């Protein structure tokens, strides 16, 4: 069995999958990055959830926010790759799938992300452009970035 990509509404996740997702988000964002913040922000029920599994193990995850939920634009957030799965280019595949999804689902909306500043080049390589000055969020330097959807 190889890697399997999934896209789910919140209600479709089920308790075990939701537990896996929250465990990964806490492991990376709070423990690894030593950052205490309110991860459960009330937005998850209104988002789509994209993730990658291998043999039932959660390798990568992101949530996809519709326009108007948090920003006027659609957004991608909580982008995370499990520590044990790094070095396999999953981050790039994950974010590209998120871009593709948001462009299909909300074709009239650009895509906004809050990027940790050290990942700026990574996101630029996927077509995002800086859309703010650098700012501190949860004691980590960030920059807002925007993916401008091509309108033919």
N, C-alpha and C. Protein backbone atom coordinates (compact mmCIF):
# COMPACT_ATOMS: atom_id res chain seq x y z
N UNK A 1 0.85 -1.19 0.00
CA UNK A 1 0.00 0.00 0.00
C UNK A 1 0.89 1.25 0.00
N UNK A 2 0.61 2.17 -0.88
CA UNK A 2 1.41 3.39 -0.97
C UNK A 2 0.69 4.53 -0.26
N UNK A 3 1.21 5.72 -0.46
CA UNK A 3 0.60 6.90 0.15
C UNK A 3 -0.80 7.12 -0.41
N UNK A 4 -1.66 7.58 0.47
CA UNK A 4 -3.05 7.82 0.11
C UNK A 4 -3.42 9.24 0.55
N UNK A 5 -3.90 10.05 -0.38
CA UNK A 5 -4.32 11.42 -0.09
C UNK A 5 -5.83 11.44 0.12
N UNK A 6 -6.26 12.17 1.15
CA UNK A 6 -7.68 12.24 1.49
C UNK A 6 -8.10 13.69 1.65
N UNK A 7 -9.36 13.95 1.34
CA UNK A 7 -9.98 15.24 1.56
C UNK A 7 -11.30 14.97 2.26
N UNK A 8 -11.51 15.58 3.42
CA UNK A 8 -12.70 15.30 4.21
C UNK A 8 -13.32 16.57 4.76
N UNK A 9 -14.63 16.55 4.86
CA UNK A 9 -15.34 17.55 5.66
C UNK A 9 -15.10 17.17 7.13
N UNK A 10 -15.29 18.10 8.01
CA UNK A 10 -15.04 17.85 9.44
C UNK A 10 -15.83 16.65 9.95
N UNK A 11 -17.11 16.58 9.61
CA UNK A 11 -17.97 15.50 10.11
C UNK A 11 -17.54 14.13 9.60
N UNK A 12 -16.82 14.09 8.50
CA UNK A 12 -16.39 12.82 7.91
C UNK A 12 -15.10 12.28 8.54
N UNK A 13 -14.41 13.10 9.33
CA UNK A 13 -13.11 12.68 9.86
C UNK A 13 -13.22 11.51 10.81
N UNK A 14 -14.20 11.50 11.67
CA UNK A 14 -14.31 10.46 12.69
C UNK A 14 -13.38 10.77 13.85
N UNK A 15 -13.66 10.17 14.97
CA UNK A 15 -12.91 10.45 16.20
C UNK A 15 -11.44 10.07 16.10
N UNK A 16 -11.13 8.90 15.58
CA UNK A 16 -9.73 8.45 15.51
C UNK A 16 -8.90 9.34 14.59
N UNK A 17 -9.43 9.69 13.42
CA UNK A 17 -8.69 10.52 12.48
C UNK A 17 -8.51 11.93 13.07
N UNK A 18 -9.56 12.48 13.65
CA UNK A 18 -9.44 13.79 14.28
C UNK A 18 -8.39 13.77 15.38
N UNK A 19 -8.37 12.69 16.17
CA UNK A 19 -7.36 12.55 17.22
C UNK A 19 -5.95 12.55 16.62
N UNK A 20 -5.75 11.80 15.53
CA UNK A 20 -4.44 11.77 14.85
C UNK A 20 -4.02 13.17 14.40
N UNK A 21 -4.97 13.89 13.82
CA UNK A 21 -4.69 15.23 13.31
C UNK A 21 -4.30 16.17 14.44
N UNK A 22 -5.10 16.18 15.49
CA UNK A 22 -4.81 17.08 16.62
C UNK A 22 -3.50 16.70 17.29
N UNK A 23 -3.23 15.42 17.39
CA UNK A 23 -1.97 14.96 17.98
C UNK A 23 -0.77 15.47 17.18
N UNK A 24 -0.85 15.39 15.84
CA UNK A 24 0.24 15.88 14.99
C UNK A 24 0.38 17.40 15.12
N UNK A 25 -0.72 18.12 15.11
CA UNK A 25 -0.65 19.57 15.23
C UNK A 25 -0.01 19.97 16.56
N UNK A 26 -0.40 19.31 17.63
CA UNK A 26 0.19 19.62 18.94
C UNK A 26 1.67 19.24 18.97
N UNK A 27 2.00 18.06 18.43
CA UNK A 27 3.39 17.60 18.43
C UNK A 27 4.32 18.60 17.75
N UNK A 28 3.90 19.12 16.60
CA UNK A 28 4.77 20.01 15.83
C UNK A 28 4.63 21.47 16.29
N UNK A 29 3.42 21.99 16.29
CA UNK A 29 3.25 23.42 16.55
C UNK A 29 3.50 23.80 18.01
N UNK A 30 3.14 22.94 18.94
CA UNK A 30 3.28 23.31 20.34
C UNK A 30 4.54 22.74 20.99
N UNK A 31 4.80 21.47 20.77
CA UNK A 31 5.94 20.83 21.44
C UNK A 31 7.24 21.12 20.68
N UNK A 32 7.32 20.73 19.41
CA UNK A 32 8.55 20.92 18.64
C UNK A 32 8.92 22.40 18.52
N UNK A 33 7.93 23.23 18.22
CA UNK A 33 8.21 24.66 18.03
C UNK A 33 8.12 25.45 19.34
N UNK A 34 7.85 24.75 20.42
CA UNK A 34 7.79 25.35 21.75
C UNK A 34 6.90 26.60 21.74
N UNK A 35 5.68 26.43 21.25
CA UNK A 35 4.78 27.55 21.07
C UNK A 35 3.42 27.22 21.66
N UNK A 36 3.07 27.93 22.70
CA UNK A 36 1.78 27.73 23.33
C UNK A 36 0.77 28.68 22.68
N UNK A 37 -0.24 28.14 22.00
CA UNK A 37 -1.26 28.95 21.36
C UNK A 37 -2.56 28.17 21.32
N UNK A 38 -3.65 28.86 21.04
CA UNK A 38 -4.98 28.25 21.00
C UNK A 38 -5.20 27.58 19.64
N UNK A 39 -4.76 26.33 19.52
CA UNK A 39 -4.89 25.61 18.25
C UNK A 39 -6.35 25.38 17.89
N UNK A 40 -7.16 25.01 18.85
CA UNK A 40 -8.58 24.79 18.60
C UNK A 40 -9.27 26.15 18.63
N UNK A 41 -9.43 26.73 17.44
CA UNK A 41 -9.90 28.10 17.31
C UNK A 41 -11.33 28.21 16.83
N UNK A 42 -12.03 27.10 16.76
CA UNK A 42 -13.42 27.12 16.33
C UNK A 42 -13.62 27.06 14.83
N UNK A 43 -12.53 27.05 14.05
CA UNK A 43 -12.66 27.06 12.59
C UNK A 43 -12.70 25.66 11.97
N UNK A 44 -12.15 24.67 12.64
CA UNK A 44 -12.07 23.33 12.06
C UNK A 44 -13.40 22.80 11.53
N UNK A 45 -14.53 22.98 12.24
CA UNK A 45 -15.79 22.45 11.71
C UNK A 45 -16.22 23.06 10.38
N UNK A 46 -15.71 24.24 10.04
CA UNK A 46 -16.10 24.92 8.80
C UNK A 46 -15.09 24.71 7.67
N UNK A 47 -14.03 23.96 7.94
CA UNK A 47 -12.95 23.76 6.96
C UNK A 47 -13.05 22.39 6.31
N UNK A 48 -12.34 22.26 5.21
CA UNK A 48 -12.06 20.94 4.63
C UNK A 48 -10.69 20.54 5.16
N UNK A 49 -10.47 19.26 5.28
CA UNK A 49 -9.24 18.74 5.86
C UNK A 49 -8.59 17.80 4.87
N UNK A 50 -7.34 18.13 4.49
CA UNK A 50 -6.59 17.33 3.53
C UNK A 50 -5.42 16.70 4.24
N UNK A 51 -5.22 15.42 3.98
CA UNK A 51 -4.13 14.72 4.67
C UNK A 51 -3.62 13.56 3.85
N UNK A 52 -2.43 13.12 4.22
CA UNK A 52 -1.76 12.02 3.55
C UNK A 52 -1.52 10.91 4.57
N UNK A 53 -1.87 9.69 4.18
CA UNK A 53 -1.70 8.52 5.03
C UNK A 53 -0.79 7.51 4.34
N UNK A 54 -0.08 6.76 5.15
CA UNK A 54 0.68 5.61 4.67
C UNK A 54 0.56 4.52 5.71
N UNK A 55 -0.02 3.41 5.32
CA UNK A 55 -0.29 2.30 6.26
C UNK A 55 -1.06 2.79 7.48
N UNK A 56 -2.00 3.71 7.27
CA UNK A 56 -2.82 4.24 8.35
C UNK A 56 -2.17 5.33 9.18
N UNK A 57 -0.88 5.59 8.94
CA UNK A 57 -0.16 6.61 9.70
C UNK A 57 -0.32 7.97 9.02
N UNK A 58 -0.59 8.99 9.82
CA UNK A 58 -0.75 10.34 9.30
C UNK A 58 0.62 10.95 9.02
N UNK A 59 0.88 11.29 7.75
CA UNK A 59 2.17 11.84 7.36
C UNK A 59 2.14 13.36 7.22
N UNK A 60 1.03 13.90 6.73
CA UNK A 60 0.94 15.33 6.44
C UNK A 60 -0.52 15.76 6.52
N UNK A 61 -0.71 17.04 6.82
CA UNK A 61 -2.06 17.55 7.02
C UNK A 61 -2.11 19.06 6.74
N UNK A 62 -3.28 19.53 6.30
CA UNK A 62 -3.57 20.96 6.22
C UNK A 62 -5.08 21.14 6.23
N UNK A 63 -5.49 22.34 6.63
CA UNK A 63 -6.92 22.64 6.55
C UNK A 63 -7.13 23.73 5.51
N UNK A 64 -8.26 23.63 4.83
CA UNK A 64 -8.58 24.51 3.71
C UNK A 64 -9.81 25.33 4.10
N UNK A 65 -9.64 26.64 4.13
CA UNK A 65 -10.67 27.54 4.62
C UNK A 65 -11.36 28.25 3.47
N UNK A 66 -12.69 28.26 3.47
CA UNK A 66 -13.42 28.94 2.40
C UNK A 66 -13.28 30.46 2.53
N UNK A 67 -13.49 31.16 1.43
CA UNK A 67 -13.47 32.63 1.49
C UNK A 67 -14.49 33.13 2.51
N UNK A 68 -14.07 34.15 3.26
CA UNK A 68 -14.98 34.76 4.21
C UNK A 68 -14.98 34.12 5.59
N UNK A 69 -14.38 32.96 5.75
CA UNK A 69 -14.38 32.32 7.06
C UNK A 69 -13.42 33.03 8.00
N UNK A 70 -12.21 33.29 7.54
CA UNK A 70 -11.21 33.98 8.37
C UNK A 70 -10.67 35.22 7.67
N UNK A 71 -10.48 35.10 6.37
CA UNK A 71 -10.04 36.19 5.51
C UNK A 71 -11.07 36.36 4.40
N UNK A 72 -11.04 37.50 3.70
CA UNK A 72 -11.92 37.62 2.52
C UNK A 72 -11.60 36.54 1.48
N UNK A 73 -10.31 36.16 1.38
CA UNK A 73 -9.88 35.14 0.43
C UNK A 73 -10.03 33.74 1.05
N UNK A 74 -9.92 32.72 0.22
CA UNK A 74 -9.77 31.37 0.76
C UNK A 74 -8.40 31.31 1.43
N UNK A 75 -8.18 30.29 2.22
CA UNK A 75 -6.91 30.20 2.94
C UNK A 75 -6.50 28.74 3.10
N UNK A 76 -5.23 28.56 3.37
CA UNK A 76 -4.67 27.26 3.73
C UNK A 76 -3.96 27.46 5.05
N UNK A 77 -4.19 26.56 5.99
CA UNK A 77 -3.59 26.71 7.30
C UNK A 77 -3.26 25.39 7.95
N UNK A 78 -2.58 25.50 9.09
CA UNK A 78 -2.17 24.33 9.88
C UNK A 78 -1.42 23.33 9.01
N UNK A 79 -0.57 23.83 8.13
CA UNK A 79 0.21 23.00 7.21
C UNK A 79 1.30 22.31 8.01
N UNK A 80 1.30 20.98 8.00
CA UNK A 80 2.25 20.26 8.86
C UNK A 80 2.62 18.91 8.25
N UNK A 81 3.90 18.56 8.37
CA UNK A 81 4.40 17.25 7.97
C UNK A 81 4.97 16.59 9.23
N UNK A 82 4.61 15.34 9.44
CA UNK A 82 5.09 14.61 10.62
C UNK A 82 6.61 14.55 10.60
N UNK A 83 7.25 14.72 11.75
CA UNK A 83 8.72 14.69 11.80
C UNK A 83 9.31 13.45 11.13
N UNK A 84 8.71 12.29 11.34
CA UNK A 84 9.24 11.05 10.77
C UNK A 84 9.07 10.98 9.26
N UNK A 85 8.24 11.85 8.68
CA UNK A 85 7.97 11.81 7.24
C UNK A 85 8.68 12.92 6.48
N UNK A 86 9.49 13.70 7.14
CA UNK A 86 10.15 14.82 6.47
C UNK A 86 11.25 14.31 5.55
N UNK A 87 11.60 15.15 4.56
CA UNK A 87 12.62 14.78 3.60
C UNK A 87 12.08 13.99 2.42
N UNK A 88 10.77 13.87 2.32
CA UNK A 88 10.14 13.13 1.23
C UNK A 88 9.38 14.05 0.28
N UNK A 89 9.57 15.35 0.42
CA UNK A 89 8.91 16.36 -0.41
C UNK A 89 7.39 16.36 -0.23
N UNK A 90 6.92 15.90 0.92
CA UNK A 90 5.49 15.86 1.19
C UNK A 90 4.92 17.26 1.38
N UNK A 91 5.70 18.17 1.96
CA UNK A 91 5.22 19.53 2.17
C UNK A 91 4.83 20.19 0.86
N UNK A 92 5.69 20.05 -0.13
CA UNK A 92 5.41 20.64 -1.45
C UNK A 92 4.17 19.99 -2.07
N UNK A 93 4.09 18.68 -2.02
CA UNK A 93 2.93 17.98 -2.59
C UNK A 93 1.65 18.37 -1.85
N UNK A 94 1.73 18.49 -0.54
CA UNK A 94 0.57 18.85 0.27
C UNK A 94 0.06 20.24 -0.10
N UNK A 95 0.95 21.22 -0.08
CA UNK A 95 0.53 22.60 -0.36
C UNK A 95 0.04 22.72 -1.80
N UNK A 96 0.69 22.07 -2.76
CA UNK A 96 0.23 22.14 -4.15
C UNK A 96 -1.17 21.55 -4.27
N UNK A 97 -1.44 20.48 -3.57
CA UNK A 97 -2.79 19.90 -3.59
C UNK A 97 -3.80 20.86 -2.96
N UNK A 98 -3.38 21.57 -1.92
CA UNK A 98 -4.25 22.56 -1.31
C UNK A 98 -4.55 23.71 -2.26
N UNK A 99 -3.53 24.20 -2.95
CA UNK A 99 -3.71 25.26 -3.94
C UNK A 99 -4.69 24.78 -5.02
N UNK A 100 -4.44 23.59 -5.55
CA UNK A 100 -5.30 23.05 -6.60
C UNK A 100 -6.75 22.94 -6.12
N UNK A 101 -6.94 22.45 -4.90
CA UNK A 101 -8.29 22.32 -4.34
C UNK A 101 -8.97 23.67 -4.24
N UNK A 102 -8.29 24.64 -3.61
CA UNK A 102 -8.91 25.95 -3.42
C UNK A 102 -9.21 26.63 -4.75
N UNK A 103 -8.32 26.48 -5.73
CA UNK A 103 -8.57 27.07 -7.05
C UNK A 103 -9.80 26.44 -7.73
N UNK A 104 -9.98 25.14 -7.56
CA UNK A 104 -11.16 24.46 -8.13
C UNK A 104 -12.43 24.83 -7.35
N UNK A 105 -12.33 24.77 -6.03
CA UNK A 105 -13.50 24.95 -5.18
C UNK A 105 -13.98 26.41 -5.14
N UNK A 106 -13.04 27.33 -5.11
CA UNK A 106 -13.36 28.76 -5.00
C UNK A 106 -12.58 29.51 -6.08
N UNK A 107 -12.94 29.32 -7.35
CA UNK A 107 -12.13 29.83 -8.47
C UNK A 107 -12.01 31.35 -8.53
N UNK A 108 -12.90 32.08 -7.86
CA UNK A 108 -12.84 33.54 -7.90
C UNK A 108 -12.08 34.12 -6.72
N UNK A 109 -11.45 33.27 -5.94
CA UNK A 109 -10.78 33.74 -4.72
C UNK A 109 -9.29 33.46 -4.76
N UNK A 110 -8.49 34.46 -4.40
CA UNK A 110 -7.07 34.22 -4.16
C UNK A 110 -6.93 33.39 -2.90
N UNK A 111 -5.70 32.98 -2.58
CA UNK A 111 -5.46 32.12 -1.42
C UNK A 111 -4.46 32.81 -0.50
N UNK A 112 -4.82 32.93 0.77
CA UNK A 112 -3.96 33.59 1.76
C UNK A 112 -3.41 32.56 2.74
N UNK A 113 -2.15 32.75 3.12
CA UNK A 113 -1.54 31.94 4.18
C UNK A 113 -0.79 32.87 5.13
N UNK A 114 -0.67 32.43 6.37
CA UNK A 114 0.23 33.05 7.34
C UNK A 114 1.45 32.14 7.41
N UNK A 115 2.53 32.55 6.78
CA UNK A 115 3.71 31.70 6.67
C UNK A 115 4.74 32.06 7.73
N UNK A 116 5.35 31.05 8.32
CA UNK A 116 6.50 31.33 9.15
C UNK A 116 7.58 31.87 8.22
N UNK A 117 8.23 32.94 8.64
CA UNK A 117 9.14 33.67 7.75
C UNK A 117 10.24 32.81 7.16
N UNK A 118 10.73 31.84 7.91
CA UNK A 118 11.82 31.02 7.39
C UNK A 118 11.38 30.13 6.23
N UNK A 119 10.05 30.00 6.02
CA UNK A 119 9.52 29.20 4.92
C UNK A 119 9.11 30.04 3.71
N UNK A 120 9.45 31.31 3.74
CA UNK A 120 9.06 32.24 2.68
C UNK A 120 9.46 31.74 1.29
N UNK A 121 10.70 31.32 1.12
CA UNK A 121 11.17 30.84 -0.21
C UNK A 121 10.41 29.59 -0.65
N UNK A 122 10.14 28.71 0.29
CA UNK A 122 9.36 27.50 -0.01
C UNK A 122 8.02 27.89 -0.63
N UNK A 123 7.30 28.79 0.02
CA UNK A 123 5.99 29.20 -0.48
C UNK A 123 6.10 30.02 -1.76
N UNK A 124 7.13 30.83 -1.88
CA UNK A 124 7.34 31.57 -3.13
C UNK A 124 7.52 30.60 -4.30
N UNK A 125 8.18 29.49 -4.06
CA UNK A 125 8.38 28.47 -5.08
C UNK A 125 7.10 27.83 -5.55
N UNK A 126 6.04 27.98 -4.76
CA UNK A 126 4.72 27.45 -5.12
C UNK A 126 3.80 28.54 -5.66
N UNK A 127 4.33 29.75 -5.80
CA UNK A 127 3.55 30.82 -6.41
C UNK A 127 2.99 31.86 -5.45
N UNK A 128 3.28 31.77 -4.17
CA UNK A 128 2.82 32.77 -3.20
C UNK A 128 3.74 33.98 -3.24
N UNK A 129 3.17 35.15 -2.96
CA UNK A 129 3.92 36.41 -2.89
C UNK A 129 3.71 37.02 -1.51
N UNK A 130 4.73 37.70 -1.00
CA UNK A 130 4.59 38.41 0.27
C UNK A 130 3.43 39.40 0.16
N UNK A 131 2.64 39.50 1.23
CA UNK A 131 1.52 40.44 1.24
C UNK A 131 1.46 41.22 2.56
N UNK A 132 2.56 41.20 3.31
CA UNK A 132 2.64 41.99 4.55
C UNK A 132 4.10 42.15 4.92
N UNK A 133 4.33 43.03 5.85
CA UNK A 133 5.64 43.10 6.49
C UNK A 133 5.74 41.92 7.45
N UNK A 134 6.94 41.59 7.85
CA UNK A 134 7.11 40.53 8.84
C UNK A 134 6.50 40.97 10.17
N UNK A 135 5.87 40.04 10.86
CA UNK A 135 5.26 40.32 12.16
C UNK A 135 5.45 39.11 13.06
N UNK A 136 5.29 39.31 14.34
CA UNK A 136 5.43 38.23 15.31
C UNK A 136 4.04 37.65 15.61
N UNK A 137 3.93 36.35 15.52
CA UNK A 137 2.70 35.65 15.92
C UNK A 137 3.13 34.48 16.80
N UNK A 138 2.66 34.48 18.03
CA UNK A 138 3.03 33.43 18.97
C UNK A 138 4.56 33.31 19.11
N UNK A 139 5.24 34.45 19.13
CA UNK A 139 6.70 34.54 19.29
C UNK A 139 7.49 33.94 18.14
N UNK A 140 6.85 33.80 16.97
CA UNK A 140 7.51 33.27 15.78
C UNK A 140 7.32 34.29 14.66
N UNK A 141 8.41 34.69 13.96
CA UNK A 141 8.26 35.62 12.84
C UNK A 141 7.43 35.01 11.70
N UNK A 142 6.45 35.77 11.25
CA UNK A 142 5.55 35.36 10.18
C UNK A 142 5.45 36.44 9.12
N UNK A 143 4.91 36.08 7.98
CA UNK A 143 4.55 37.02 6.93
C UNK A 143 3.29 36.47 6.26
N UNK A 144 2.35 37.37 5.96
CA UNK A 144 1.19 36.93 5.18
C UNK A 144 1.61 36.84 3.73
N UNK A 145 1.12 35.81 3.06
CA UNK A 145 1.44 35.61 1.65
C UNK A 145 0.15 35.34 0.89
N UNK A 146 0.17 35.70 -0.38
CA UNK A 146 -1.02 35.58 -1.21
C UNK A 146 -0.69 34.85 -2.51
N UNK A 147 -1.52 33.89 -2.85
CA UNK A 147 -1.44 33.21 -4.13
C UNK A 147 -2.54 33.82 -4.99
N UNK A 148 -2.13 34.47 -6.06
CA UNK A 148 -3.10 35.12 -6.92
C UNK A 148 -3.59 34.15 -7.99
N UNK A 149 -4.87 33.86 -7.92
CA UNK A 149 -5.49 32.91 -8.86
C UNK A 149 -5.55 33.55 -10.23
N UNK A 150 -5.10 32.83 -11.22
CA UNK A 150 -5.15 33.32 -12.60
C UNK A 150 -6.59 33.26 -13.11
N UNK A 151 -7.06 34.37 -13.57
CA UNK A 151 -8.42 34.44 -14.11
C UNK A 151 -8.32 34.60 -15.62
N UNK A 152 -8.67 33.56 -16.34
CA UNK A 152 -8.55 33.58 -17.82
C UNK A 152 -9.72 34.29 -18.47
